[in-house]
């Protein structure tokens, strides 16, 4: 029973986390640029782990009891994604080719990397739907001793995924060493950020109607 709970947590956690979203694109971009990637991967994983754990402890029920919080999170998340998309457009117009080498300084300060990772981790309401409500709701169906293994499986899947895409993105480094490659990635990132922001806004406008 415990192994099955662990396997269920790992598989379901991976299925929800792997979907391409703003957070994953941010990690991929930073990984391709080899820019503060360890702290970004670690913090992204810890954010997911904390939300999964809180969901398993019943936070999803609390969120469901206060539906008015969801629109605020959606509008805030949309605004953040639009701003990040605009900045990506700016980098696409004036690309910053990746410089490699042991002595090459990163372009993002650690403080800025932490703040951006926190924003991508907490300002997207879909994150709460996936980790807190869906995974948390499924975890709640297990007995407490099995629920622990479910949560461990989901958390391990999260850590494995973020570190895999963060450090695996280094294969894109040669592409990022020229302005065209850097521009192309930022155009894709900007387009996805605007698309996700538009979907959040559409959801809220539809709810108002």
N, C-alpha and C. Protein backbone atom coordinates (compact mmCIF):
# COMPACT_ATOMS: atom_id res chain seq x y z
N UNK A 1 0.82 -1.20 0.00
CA UNK A 1 0.00 0.00 0.00
C UNK A 1 0.86 1.26 0.00
N UNK A 2 1.91 1.26 0.83
CA UNK A 2 2.78 2.43 0.89
C UNK A 2 3.51 2.66 -0.42
N UNK A 3 3.98 1.56 -1.05
CA UNK A 3 4.67 1.71 -2.34
C UNK A 3 3.71 2.22 -3.41
N UNK A 4 2.48 1.72 -3.40
CA UNK A 4 1.49 2.18 -4.38
C UNK A 4 1.19 3.67 -4.18
N UNK A 5 1.11 4.09 -2.94
CA UNK A 5 0.87 5.51 -2.66
C UNK A 5 2.04 6.35 -3.14
N UNK A 6 3.26 5.87 -2.91
CA UNK A 6 4.46 6.57 -3.37
C UNK A 6 4.46 6.68 -4.89
N UNK A 7 4.14 5.57 -5.57
CA UNK A 7 4.13 5.56 -7.03
C UNK A 7 3.04 6.48 -7.57
N UNK A 8 1.87 6.45 -6.95
CA UNK A 8 0.78 7.33 -7.38
C UNK A 8 1.19 8.79 -7.24
N UNK A 9 1.81 9.14 -6.12
CA UNK A 9 2.25 10.51 -5.89
C UNK A 9 3.28 10.95 -6.92
N UNK A 10 4.23 10.07 -7.23
CA UNK A 10 5.28 10.40 -8.20
C UNK A 10 4.70 10.59 -9.59
N UNK A 11 3.84 9.66 -10.01
CA UNK A 11 3.26 9.73 -11.36
C UNK A 11 2.33 10.92 -11.52
N UNK A 12 1.42 11.11 -10.56
CA UNK A 12 0.49 12.23 -10.65
C UNK A 12 1.20 13.56 -10.51
N UNK A 13 2.19 13.61 -9.61
CA UNK A 13 2.96 14.84 -9.45
C UNK A 13 3.69 15.20 -10.72
N UNK A 14 4.33 14.22 -11.35
CA UNK A 14 5.05 14.47 -12.60
C UNK A 14 4.10 14.91 -13.71
N UNK A 15 2.93 14.26 -13.80
CA UNK A 15 1.97 14.60 -14.85
C UNK A 15 1.52 16.05 -14.76
N UNK A 16 1.33 16.54 -13.54
CA UNK A 16 0.87 17.91 -13.36
C UNK A 16 2.00 18.92 -13.51
N UNK A 17 3.20 18.56 -13.06
CA UNK A 17 4.32 19.50 -13.08
C UNK A 17 4.90 19.66 -14.48
N UNK A 18 4.90 18.57 -15.27
CA UNK A 18 5.57 18.59 -16.57
C UNK A 18 4.86 19.47 -17.58
N UNK A 19 3.57 19.72 -17.41
CA UNK A 19 2.85 20.57 -18.35
C UNK A 19 3.58 21.91 -18.50
N UNK A 20 3.78 22.33 -19.77
CA UNK A 20 4.52 23.56 -20.02
C UNK A 20 3.74 24.75 -19.49
N UNK A 21 4.39 25.52 -18.65
CA UNK A 21 3.77 26.70 -18.06
C UNK A 21 4.81 27.78 -17.84
N UNK A 22 4.37 28.86 -17.24
CA UNK A 22 5.27 30.00 -17.04
C UNK A 22 6.47 29.64 -16.18
N UNK A 23 6.24 28.89 -15.11
CA UNK A 23 7.33 28.53 -14.21
C UNK A 23 8.37 27.66 -14.92
N UNK A 24 7.91 26.67 -15.66
CA UNK A 24 8.84 25.79 -16.38
C UNK A 24 9.64 26.56 -17.43
N UNK A 25 8.99 27.47 -18.14
CA UNK A 25 9.69 28.26 -19.15
C UNK A 25 10.74 29.16 -18.51
N UNK A 26 10.43 29.71 -17.35
CA UNK A 26 11.40 30.54 -16.64
C UNK A 26 12.63 29.72 -16.26
N UNK A 27 12.40 28.52 -15.72
CA UNK A 27 13.52 27.65 -15.34
C UNK A 27 14.33 27.26 -16.56
N UNK A 28 13.66 26.95 -17.67
CA UNK A 28 14.36 26.59 -18.90
C UNK A 28 15.23 27.74 -19.41
N UNK A 29 14.67 28.94 -19.38
CA UNK A 29 15.42 30.09 -19.88
C UNK A 29 16.66 30.34 -19.03
N UNK A 30 16.49 30.31 -17.72
CA UNK A 30 17.64 30.54 -16.85
C UNK A 30 18.66 29.41 -16.98
N UNK A 31 18.16 28.18 -17.17
CA UNK A 31 19.07 27.06 -17.35
C UNK A 31 19.88 27.18 -18.62
N UNK A 32 19.23 27.61 -19.71
CA UNK A 32 19.93 27.79 -20.97
C UNK A 32 21.00 28.86 -20.87
N UNK A 33 20.75 29.85 -20.02
CA UNK A 33 21.72 30.93 -19.83
C UNK A 33 22.70 30.64 -18.70
N UNK A 34 22.52 29.49 -18.03
CA UNK A 34 23.37 29.12 -16.88
C UNK A 34 23.41 30.23 -15.85
N UNK A 35 22.24 30.75 -15.56
CA UNK A 35 22.11 31.95 -14.75
C UNK A 35 21.38 31.64 -13.44
N UNK A 36 22.11 31.53 -12.33
CA UNK A 36 21.55 31.27 -10.99
C UNK A 36 20.65 30.03 -10.99
N UNK A 37 21.03 29.03 -11.76
CA UNK A 37 20.11 27.91 -11.98
C UNK A 37 19.94 27.03 -10.74
N UNK A 38 20.98 26.85 -9.94
CA UNK A 38 20.83 25.98 -8.78
C UNK A 38 19.80 26.53 -7.80
N UNK A 39 19.92 27.79 -7.45
CA UNK A 39 18.99 28.37 -6.48
C UNK A 39 17.58 28.40 -7.04
N UNK A 40 17.45 28.61 -8.36
CA UNK A 40 16.12 28.64 -8.99
C UNK A 40 15.49 27.25 -8.97
N UNK A 41 16.26 26.23 -9.32
CA UNK A 41 15.73 24.85 -9.30
C UNK A 41 15.37 24.43 -7.88
N UNK A 42 16.24 24.75 -6.94
CA UNK A 42 16.00 24.36 -5.55
C UNK A 42 14.76 25.05 -5.00
N UNK A 43 14.66 26.36 -5.23
CA UNK A 43 13.53 27.11 -4.69
C UNK A 43 12.22 26.70 -5.36
N UNK A 44 12.25 26.46 -6.67
CA UNK A 44 11.04 26.01 -7.38
C UNK A 44 10.56 24.68 -6.81
N UNK A 45 11.49 23.78 -6.56
CA UNK A 45 11.14 22.48 -6.00
C UNK A 45 10.58 22.61 -4.59
N UNK A 46 11.20 23.47 -3.77
CA UNK A 46 10.73 23.66 -2.41
C UNK A 46 9.34 24.30 -2.37
N UNK A 47 9.08 25.22 -3.30
CA UNK A 47 7.75 25.83 -3.37
C UNK A 47 6.70 24.77 -3.68
N UNK A 48 6.97 23.95 -4.69
CA UNK A 48 6.04 22.87 -5.03
C UNK A 48 5.85 21.92 -3.86
N UNK A 49 6.96 21.57 -3.22
CA UNK A 49 6.89 20.63 -2.10
C UNK A 49 6.04 21.19 -0.97
N UNK A 50 6.21 22.47 -0.66
CA UNK A 50 5.45 23.08 0.43
C UNK A 50 3.96 23.13 0.09
N UNK A 51 3.63 23.43 -1.18
CA UNK A 51 2.23 23.50 -1.56
C UNK A 51 1.58 22.13 -1.58
N UNK A 52 2.34 21.13 -2.05
CA UNK A 52 1.82 19.75 -2.03
C UNK A 52 1.55 19.31 -0.59
N UNK A 53 2.49 19.61 0.29
CA UNK A 53 2.34 19.23 1.70
C UNK A 53 1.15 19.93 2.34
N UNK A 54 1.02 21.24 2.06
CA UNK A 54 -0.11 21.99 2.61
C UNK A 54 -1.43 21.46 2.07
N UNK A 55 -1.44 21.10 0.78
CA UNK A 55 -2.65 20.53 0.20
C UNK A 55 -3.03 19.23 0.86
N UNK A 56 -2.04 18.39 1.12
CA UNK A 56 -2.29 17.10 1.78
C UNK A 56 -2.79 17.30 3.21
N UNK A 57 -2.46 18.45 3.80
CA UNK A 57 -2.89 18.74 5.17
C UNK A 57 -4.24 19.44 5.22
N UNK A 58 -4.81 19.73 4.03
CA UNK A 58 -6.15 20.29 4.01
C UNK A 58 -6.26 21.73 3.58
N UNK A 59 -5.18 22.35 3.06
CA UNK A 59 -5.25 23.75 2.66
C UNK A 59 -6.24 23.95 1.51
N UNK A 60 -6.40 22.91 0.67
CA UNK A 60 -7.33 23.04 -0.45
C UNK A 60 -8.74 23.36 0.01
N UNK A 61 -9.15 22.79 1.12
CA UNK A 61 -10.48 23.05 1.65
C UNK A 61 -10.61 24.50 2.10
N UNK A 62 -9.52 25.05 2.65
CA UNK A 62 -9.54 26.44 3.10
C UNK A 62 -9.67 27.38 1.90
N UNK A 63 -8.91 27.09 0.82
CA UNK A 63 -8.98 27.91 -0.39
C UNK A 63 -10.38 27.85 -0.98
N UNK A 64 -10.95 26.64 -1.00
CA UNK A 64 -12.30 26.47 -1.54
C UNK A 64 -13.32 27.26 -0.73
N UNK A 65 -13.04 27.46 0.54
CA UNK A 65 -13.97 28.19 1.40
C UNK A 65 -13.90 29.70 1.19
N UNK A 66 -12.85 30.17 0.52
CA UNK A 66 -12.69 31.61 0.25
C UNK A 66 -12.46 31.81 -1.25
N UNK A 67 -13.49 31.60 -2.07
CA UNK A 67 -13.34 31.71 -3.53
C UNK A 67 -12.97 33.11 -4.01
N UNK A 68 -13.22 34.13 -3.18
CA UNK A 68 -12.90 35.49 -3.59
C UNK A 68 -11.40 35.72 -3.73
N UNK A 69 -10.59 34.82 -3.15
CA UNK A 69 -9.13 34.96 -3.26
C UNK A 69 -8.64 34.63 -4.67
N UNK A 70 -9.36 33.76 -5.36
CA UNK A 70 -8.90 33.29 -6.67
C UNK A 70 -8.81 34.42 -7.69
N UNK A 71 -9.83 35.29 -7.83
CA UNK A 71 -9.70 36.38 -8.81
C UNK A 71 -8.51 37.29 -8.54
N UNK A 72 -8.27 37.60 -7.27
CA UNK A 72 -7.13 38.45 -6.94
C UNK A 72 -5.82 37.80 -7.37
N UNK A 73 -5.70 36.52 -7.12
CA UNK A 73 -4.49 35.80 -7.53
C UNK A 73 -4.36 35.78 -9.05
N UNK A 74 -5.48 35.63 -9.75
CA UNK A 74 -5.47 35.57 -11.20
C UNK A 74 -5.04 36.91 -11.81
N UNK A 75 -5.63 38.00 -11.33
CA UNK A 75 -5.26 39.31 -11.86
C UNK A 75 -3.81 39.67 -11.54
N UNK A 76 -3.39 39.34 -10.32
CA UNK A 76 -1.99 39.60 -9.96
C UNK A 76 -1.03 38.77 -10.79
N UNK A 77 -1.37 37.50 -11.00
CA UNK A 77 -0.53 36.64 -11.82
C UNK A 77 -0.47 37.11 -13.26
N UNK A 78 -1.61 37.53 -13.80
CA UNK A 78 -1.65 38.02 -15.18
C UNK A 78 -0.77 39.26 -15.35
N UNK A 79 -0.87 40.18 -14.38
CA UNK A 79 -0.05 41.40 -14.45
C UNK A 79 1.43 41.07 -14.41
N UNK A 80 1.82 40.16 -13.53
CA UNK A 80 3.23 39.78 -13.44
C UNK A 80 3.71 39.15 -14.74
N UNK A 81 2.90 38.26 -15.33
CA UNK A 81 3.30 37.60 -16.58
C UNK A 81 3.41 38.59 -17.73
N UNK A 82 2.53 39.58 -17.76
CA UNK A 82 2.61 40.61 -18.81
C UNK A 82 3.90 41.40 -18.67
N UNK A 83 4.23 41.79 -17.44
CA UNK A 83 5.47 42.54 -17.22
C UNK A 83 6.68 41.72 -17.64
N UNK A 84 6.72 40.44 -17.24
CA UNK A 84 7.84 39.59 -17.60
C UNK A 84 7.88 39.39 -19.12
N UNK A 85 6.71 39.28 -19.75
CA UNK A 85 6.65 39.16 -21.21
C UNK A 85 7.21 40.38 -21.91
N UNK A 86 6.88 41.57 -21.38
CA UNK A 86 7.40 42.81 -21.95
C UNK A 86 8.92 42.86 -21.83
N UNK A 87 9.44 42.43 -20.69
CA UNK A 87 10.90 42.40 -20.51
C UNK A 87 11.55 41.40 -21.46
N UNK A 88 10.86 40.28 -21.72
CA UNK A 88 11.39 39.31 -22.68
C UNK A 88 11.40 39.90 -24.08
N UNK A 89 10.36 40.67 -24.40
CA UNK A 89 10.33 41.35 -25.71
C UNK A 89 11.49 42.34 -25.83
N UNK A 90 11.76 43.04 -24.75
CA UNK A 90 12.88 43.99 -24.75
C UNK A 90 14.19 43.27 -25.01
N UNK A 91 14.36 42.09 -24.36
CA UNK A 91 15.60 41.32 -24.59
C UNK A 91 15.64 40.77 -26.01
N UNK A 92 14.47 40.49 -26.60
CA UNK A 92 14.44 39.99 -27.97
C UNK A 92 14.86 41.08 -28.95
N UNK A 93 14.51 42.33 -28.65
CA UNK A 93 14.90 43.45 -29.51
C UNK A 93 16.38 43.76 -29.34
N UNK A 94 16.82 43.71 -28.10
CA UNK A 94 18.24 43.93 -27.80
C UNK A 94 18.79 42.68 -27.13
N UNK A 95 19.06 41.64 -27.89
CA UNK A 95 19.45 40.34 -27.31
C UNK A 95 20.78 40.42 -26.58
N UNK A 96 20.90 39.54 -25.57
CA UNK A 96 22.12 39.43 -24.78
C UNK A 96 22.71 38.05 -25.00
N UNK A 97 23.66 37.91 -25.92
CA UNK A 97 24.24 36.57 -26.18
C UNK A 97 24.85 35.99 -24.93
N UNK A 98 24.71 34.68 -24.78
CA UNK A 98 25.26 34.00 -23.61
C UNK A 98 26.78 33.95 -23.70
N UNK A 99 27.43 34.30 -22.61
CA UNK A 99 28.88 34.18 -22.52
C UNK A 99 29.19 33.00 -21.62
N UNK A 100 30.01 32.10 -22.07
CA UNK A 100 30.32 30.92 -21.27
C UNK A 100 31.71 31.05 -20.68
N UNK A 101 31.99 30.19 -19.72
CA UNK A 101 33.30 30.23 -19.07
C UNK A 101 33.14 30.28 -17.57
N UNK A 102 34.12 29.75 -16.88
CA UNK A 102 34.03 29.66 -15.43
C UNK A 102 33.98 31.03 -14.77
N UNK A 103 34.65 32.03 -15.40
CA UNK A 103 34.73 33.33 -14.76
C UNK A 103 33.62 34.28 -15.22
N UNK A 104 32.70 33.80 -16.02
CA UNK A 104 31.66 34.66 -16.53
C UNK A 104 30.63 34.96 -15.45
N UNK A 105 30.38 36.23 -15.14
CA UNK A 105 29.39 36.54 -14.11
C UNK A 105 27.98 36.28 -14.61
N UNK A 106 27.08 35.90 -13.69
CA UNK A 106 25.70 35.72 -14.07
C UNK A 106 25.06 37.09 -14.27
N UNK A 107 24.00 37.14 -15.08
CA UNK A 107 23.36 38.42 -15.38
C UNK A 107 22.25 38.74 -14.39
N UNK A 108 21.84 37.78 -13.58
CA UNK A 108 20.78 37.98 -12.60
C UNK A 108 21.37 37.86 -11.20
N UNK A 109 21.10 38.84 -10.36
CA UNK A 109 21.57 38.75 -8.98
C UNK A 109 20.81 37.64 -8.26
N UNK A 110 21.40 37.13 -7.20
CA UNK A 110 20.72 36.06 -6.45
C UNK A 110 19.40 36.56 -5.88
N UNK A 111 19.39 37.78 -5.39
CA UNK A 111 18.15 38.34 -4.82
C UNK A 111 17.05 38.41 -5.88
N UNK A 112 17.41 38.89 -7.07
CA UNK A 112 16.42 38.99 -8.14
C UNK A 112 15.95 37.61 -8.57
N UNK A 113 16.87 36.65 -8.64
CA UNK A 113 16.50 35.28 -9.02
C UNK A 113 15.52 34.69 -8.02
N UNK A 114 15.77 34.94 -6.73
CA UNK A 114 14.87 34.42 -5.69
C UNK A 114 13.50 35.06 -5.81
N UNK A 115 13.45 36.38 -5.99
CA UNK A 115 12.17 37.08 -6.10
C UNK A 115 11.38 36.61 -7.32
N UNK A 116 12.05 36.45 -8.45
CA UNK A 116 11.37 35.98 -9.66
C UNK A 116 10.84 34.56 -9.48
N UNK A 117 11.64 33.72 -8.85
CA UNK A 117 11.21 32.34 -8.63
C UNK A 117 10.01 32.29 -7.70
N UNK A 118 10.02 33.11 -6.66
CA UNK A 118 8.87 33.18 -5.75
C UNK A 118 7.63 33.66 -6.48
N UNK A 119 7.82 34.65 -7.36
CA UNK A 119 6.67 35.17 -8.11
C UNK A 119 6.09 34.11 -9.03
N UNK A 120 6.96 33.40 -9.78
CA UNK A 120 6.48 32.36 -10.68
C UNK A 120 5.86 31.20 -9.90
N UNK A 121 6.34 30.98 -8.69
CA UNK A 121 5.83 29.88 -7.90
C UNK A 121 4.51 30.16 -7.20
N UNK A 122 4.27 31.44 -6.84
CA UNK A 122 3.10 31.74 -6.02
C UNK A 122 2.04 32.60 -6.70
N UNK A 123 2.37 33.29 -7.80
CA UNK A 123 1.40 34.20 -8.42
C UNK A 123 0.55 33.56 -9.50
N UNK A 124 0.77 32.30 -9.79
CA UNK A 124 -0.03 31.61 -10.80
C UNK A 124 -1.09 30.75 -10.10
N UNK A 125 -2.37 31.11 -10.22
CA UNK A 125 -3.39 30.33 -9.52
C UNK A 125 -3.46 28.88 -9.98
N UNK A 126 -2.99 28.59 -11.20
CA UNK A 126 -2.99 27.21 -11.68
C UNK A 126 -2.08 26.33 -10.82
N UNK A 127 -1.05 26.94 -10.23
CA UNK A 127 -0.16 26.18 -9.36
C UNK A 127 -0.93 25.65 -8.15
N UNK A 128 -1.80 26.49 -7.61
CA UNK A 128 -2.59 26.06 -6.45
C UNK A 128 -3.60 24.99 -6.85
N UNK A 129 -4.16 25.12 -8.05
CA UNK A 129 -5.09 24.11 -8.52
C UNK A 129 -4.41 22.75 -8.64
N UNK A 130 -3.19 22.75 -9.23
CA UNK A 130 -2.48 21.48 -9.45
C UNK A 130 -1.96 20.88 -8.16
N UNK A 131 -1.26 21.69 -7.37
CA UNK A 131 -0.55 21.13 -6.21
C UNK A 131 -1.44 21.04 -4.97
N UNK A 132 -2.14 22.12 -4.66
CA UNK A 132 -2.89 22.16 -3.40
C UNK A 132 -4.23 21.42 -3.52
N UNK A 133 -4.99 21.78 -4.55
CA UNK A 133 -6.35 21.24 -4.63
C UNK A 133 -6.36 19.84 -5.23
N UNK A 134 -5.72 19.66 -6.42
CA UNK A 134 -5.77 18.34 -7.05
C UNK A 134 -4.93 17.31 -6.30
N UNK A 135 -3.61 17.58 -6.19
CA UNK A 135 -2.76 16.62 -5.49
C UNK A 135 -3.14 16.50 -4.02
N UNK A 136 -3.45 17.65 -3.40
CA UNK A 136 -3.84 17.62 -2.00
C UNK A 136 -5.13 16.85 -1.78
N UNK A 137 -6.08 17.05 -2.71
CA UNK A 137 -7.34 16.34 -2.59
C UNK A 137 -7.18 14.84 -2.75
N UNK A 138 -6.32 14.43 -3.71
CA UNK A 138 -6.06 13.01 -3.91
C UNK A 138 -5.34 12.43 -2.69
N UNK A 139 -4.36 13.17 -2.17
CA UNK A 139 -3.61 12.70 -1.00
C UNK A 139 -4.53 12.51 0.20
N UNK A 140 -5.53 13.38 0.30
CA UNK A 140 -6.44 13.31 1.45
C UNK A 140 -7.24 12.01 1.45
N UNK A 141 -7.32 11.35 0.30
CA UNK A 141 -8.06 10.10 0.22
C UNK A 141 -7.30 8.91 0.78
N UNK A 142 -6.02 9.10 1.07
CA UNK A 142 -5.21 8.02 1.65
C UNK A 142 -5.21 8.11 3.16
N UNK A 143 -5.05 6.96 3.78
CA UNK A 143 -4.83 6.95 5.23
C UNK A 143 -3.54 7.71 5.53
N UNK A 144 -3.42 8.25 6.72
CA UNK A 144 -2.30 9.13 7.04
C UNK A 144 -0.94 8.49 6.77
N UNK A 145 -0.75 7.22 7.13
CA UNK A 145 0.56 6.58 6.94
C UNK A 145 0.88 6.44 5.45
N UNK A 146 -0.15 6.21 4.61
CA UNK A 146 0.07 6.10 3.16
C UNK A 146 0.17 7.48 2.53
N UNK A 147 -0.52 8.46 3.10
CA UNK A 147 -0.49 9.82 2.56
C UNK A 147 0.92 10.39 2.58
N UNK A 148 1.67 10.03 3.60
CA UNK A 148 3.06 10.50 3.70
C UNK A 148 3.86 10.03 2.50
N UNK A 149 3.67 8.78 2.10
CA UNK A 149 4.40 8.24 0.96
C UNK A 149 3.93 8.88 -0.35
N UNK A 150 2.65 9.18 -0.44
CA UNK A 150 2.13 9.87 -1.62
C UNK A 150 2.80 11.23 -1.77
N UNK A 151 2.87 11.96 -0.68
CA UNK A 151 3.49 13.29 -0.70
C UNK A 151 4.97 13.17 -1.05
N UNK A 152 5.67 12.20 -0.48
CA UNK A 152 7.09 12.01 -0.78
C UNK A 152 7.28 11.72 -2.26
N UNK A 153 6.44 10.89 -2.85
CA UNK A 153 6.54 10.58 -4.27
C UNK A 153 6.35 11.82 -5.12
N UNK A 154 5.34 12.63 -4.80
CA UNK A 154 5.07 13.85 -5.56
C UNK A 154 6.21 14.85 -5.42
N UNK A 155 6.76 14.97 -4.22
CA UNK A 155 7.85 15.92 -3.97
C UNK A 155 9.11 15.49 -4.73
N UNK A 156 9.43 14.20 -4.71
CA UNK A 156 10.60 13.71 -5.44
C UNK A 156 10.44 13.98 -6.94
N UNK A 157 9.23 13.78 -7.46
CA UNK A 157 8.98 14.05 -8.88
C UNK A 157 9.22 15.53 -9.20
N UNK A 158 8.82 16.41 -8.28
CA UNK A 158 9.01 17.84 -8.48
C UNK A 158 10.50 18.19 -8.51
N UNK A 159 11.25 17.70 -7.53
CA UNK A 159 12.69 17.97 -7.49
C UNK A 159 13.38 17.44 -8.75
N UNK A 160 13.04 16.21 -9.14
CA UNK A 160 13.67 15.60 -10.32
C UNK A 160 13.37 16.41 -11.57
N UNK A 161 12.13 16.88 -11.71
CA UNK A 161 11.74 17.60 -12.91
C UNK A 161 12.45 18.95 -13.02
N UNK A 162 12.41 19.74 -11.96
CA UNK A 162 12.99 21.07 -12.04
C UNK A 162 14.50 21.03 -12.25
N UNK A 163 15.19 20.11 -11.57
CA UNK A 163 16.64 20.03 -11.76
C UNK A 163 16.97 19.45 -13.14
N UNK A 164 16.10 18.57 -13.66
CA UNK A 164 16.33 18.00 -14.98
C UNK A 164 16.22 19.07 -16.07
N UNK A 165 15.15 19.89 -16.01
CA UNK A 165 15.00 20.89 -17.06
C UNK A 165 15.96 22.05 -16.85
N UNK A 166 16.29 22.35 -15.58
CA UNK A 166 17.21 23.44 -15.31
C UNK A 166 18.60 23.16 -15.84
N UNK A 167 19.13 22.00 -15.49
CA UNK A 167 20.48 21.66 -15.94
C UNK A 167 20.48 21.03 -17.32
N UNK A 168 19.37 20.39 -17.71
CA UNK A 168 19.28 19.84 -19.07
C UNK A 168 19.22 20.93 -20.11
N UNK A 169 18.74 22.10 -19.72
CA UNK A 169 18.64 23.22 -20.67
C UNK A 169 20.01 23.71 -21.12
N UNK A 170 21.07 23.24 -20.46
CA UNK A 170 22.42 23.67 -20.87
C UNK A 170 22.76 23.22 -22.28
N UNK A 171 22.04 22.22 -22.77
CA UNK A 171 22.29 21.78 -24.15
C UNK A 171 21.91 22.90 -25.12
N UNK A 172 21.11 23.86 -24.66
CA UNK A 172 20.74 24.99 -25.50
C UNK A 172 21.79 26.10 -25.46
N UNK A 173 22.81 25.94 -24.61
CA UNK A 173 23.82 26.99 -24.46
C UNK A 173 24.49 27.39 -25.78
N UNK A 174 24.88 26.43 -26.64
CA UNK A 174 25.48 26.85 -27.93
C UNK A 174 24.55 27.74 -28.75
N UNK A 175 23.24 27.44 -28.68
CA UNK A 175 22.28 28.26 -29.41
C UNK A 175 22.22 29.67 -28.84
N UNK A 176 22.41 29.77 -27.53
CA UNK A 176 22.30 31.05 -26.86
C UNK A 176 23.55 31.91 -27.00
N UNK A 177 24.59 31.38 -27.62
CA UNK A 177 25.84 32.12 -27.75
C UNK A 177 25.83 33.10 -28.91
N UNK A 178 24.73 33.18 -29.63
CA UNK A 178 24.63 34.18 -30.69
C UNK A 178 23.32 34.94 -30.51
N UNK A 179 23.27 36.20 -30.99
CA UNK A 179 22.08 37.03 -30.79
C UNK A 179 20.79 36.42 -31.32
N UNK A 180 20.87 35.71 -32.45
CA UNK A 180 19.67 35.12 -33.03
C UNK A 180 19.07 34.06 -32.12
N UNK A 181 19.92 33.21 -31.55
CA UNK A 181 19.43 32.18 -30.65
C UNK A 181 18.83 32.78 -29.40
N UNK A 182 19.52 33.78 -28.81
CA UNK A 182 19.00 34.43 -27.61
C UNK A 182 17.67 35.11 -27.90
N UNK A 183 17.58 35.76 -29.07
CA UNK A 183 16.34 36.44 -29.46
C UNK A 183 15.20 35.45 -29.62
N UNK A 184 15.48 34.31 -30.24
CA UNK A 184 14.44 33.31 -30.49
C UNK A 184 13.83 32.79 -29.18
N UNK A 185 14.69 32.49 -28.21
CA UNK A 185 14.19 31.99 -26.93
C UNK A 185 13.34 33.02 -26.23
N UNK A 186 13.78 34.27 -26.25
CA UNK A 186 13.02 35.32 -25.57
C UNK A 186 11.69 35.58 -26.26
N UNK A 187 11.64 35.45 -27.59
CA UNK A 187 10.38 35.60 -28.31
C UNK A 187 9.40 34.51 -27.88
N UNK A 188 9.89 33.28 -27.79
CA UNK A 188 9.03 32.16 -27.36
C UNK A 188 8.54 32.38 -25.94
N UNK A 189 9.46 32.79 -25.06
CA UNK A 189 9.08 33.03 -23.66
C UNK A 189 8.03 34.14 -23.59
N UNK A 190 8.26 35.24 -24.30
CA UNK A 190 7.31 36.36 -24.28
C UNK A 190 5.94 35.92 -24.78
N UNK A 191 5.92 35.17 -25.89
CA UNK A 191 4.64 34.71 -26.45
C UNK A 191 3.88 33.84 -25.46
N UNK A 192 4.60 32.94 -24.79
CA UNK A 192 3.94 32.06 -23.83
C UNK A 192 3.45 32.83 -22.61
N UNK A 193 4.23 33.81 -22.16
CA UNK A 193 3.80 34.62 -21.01
C UNK A 193 2.53 35.39 -21.33
N UNK A 194 2.48 35.99 -22.52
CA UNK A 194 1.29 36.74 -22.93
C UNK A 194 0.09 35.80 -23.09
N UNK A 195 0.34 34.62 -23.63
CA UNK A 195 -0.75 33.65 -23.83
C UNK A 195 -1.34 33.21 -22.48
N UNK A 196 -0.47 32.88 -21.53
CA UNK A 196 -0.94 32.44 -20.22
C UNK A 196 -1.65 33.57 -19.50
N UNK A 197 -1.10 34.80 -19.61
CA UNK A 197 -1.75 35.95 -18.99
C UNK A 197 -3.13 36.18 -19.60
N UNK A 198 -3.22 36.05 -20.93
CA UNK A 198 -4.51 36.24 -21.61
C UNK A 198 -5.52 35.19 -21.17
N UNK A 199 -5.05 33.96 -20.95
CA UNK A 199 -5.96 32.90 -20.52
C UNK A 199 -6.49 33.18 -19.11
N UNK A 200 -5.62 33.71 -18.24
CA UNK A 200 -6.05 34.06 -16.89
C UNK A 200 -7.08 35.19 -16.92
N UNK A 201 -6.81 36.20 -17.75
CA UNK A 201 -7.74 37.33 -17.86
C UNK A 201 -9.08 36.86 -18.44
N UNK A 202 -9.01 36.00 -19.46
CA UNK A 202 -10.23 35.48 -20.08
C UNK A 202 -11.08 34.71 -19.07
N UNK A 203 -10.42 33.92 -18.25
CA UNK A 203 -11.15 33.16 -17.22
C UNK A 203 -11.89 34.09 -16.27
N UNK A 204 -11.24 35.18 -15.88
CA UNK A 204 -11.87 36.09 -14.94
C UNK A 204 -13.00 36.91 -15.58
N UNK A 205 -12.79 37.32 -16.84
CA UNK A 205 -13.85 38.06 -17.53
C UNK A 205 -15.06 37.17 -17.79
N UNK A 206 -14.80 35.90 -18.10
CA UNK A 206 -15.90 34.95 -18.29
C UNK A 206 -16.67 34.74 -17.00
N UNK A 207 -15.93 34.67 -15.88
CA UNK A 207 -16.58 34.48 -14.58
C UNK A 207 -17.46 35.68 -14.22
N UNK A 208 -17.01 36.89 -14.62
CA UNK A 208 -17.79 38.09 -14.33
C UNK A 208 -19.10 38.08 -15.12
N UNK A 209 -19.00 37.65 -16.39
CA UNK A 209 -20.19 37.58 -17.23
C UNK A 209 -21.17 36.53 -16.71
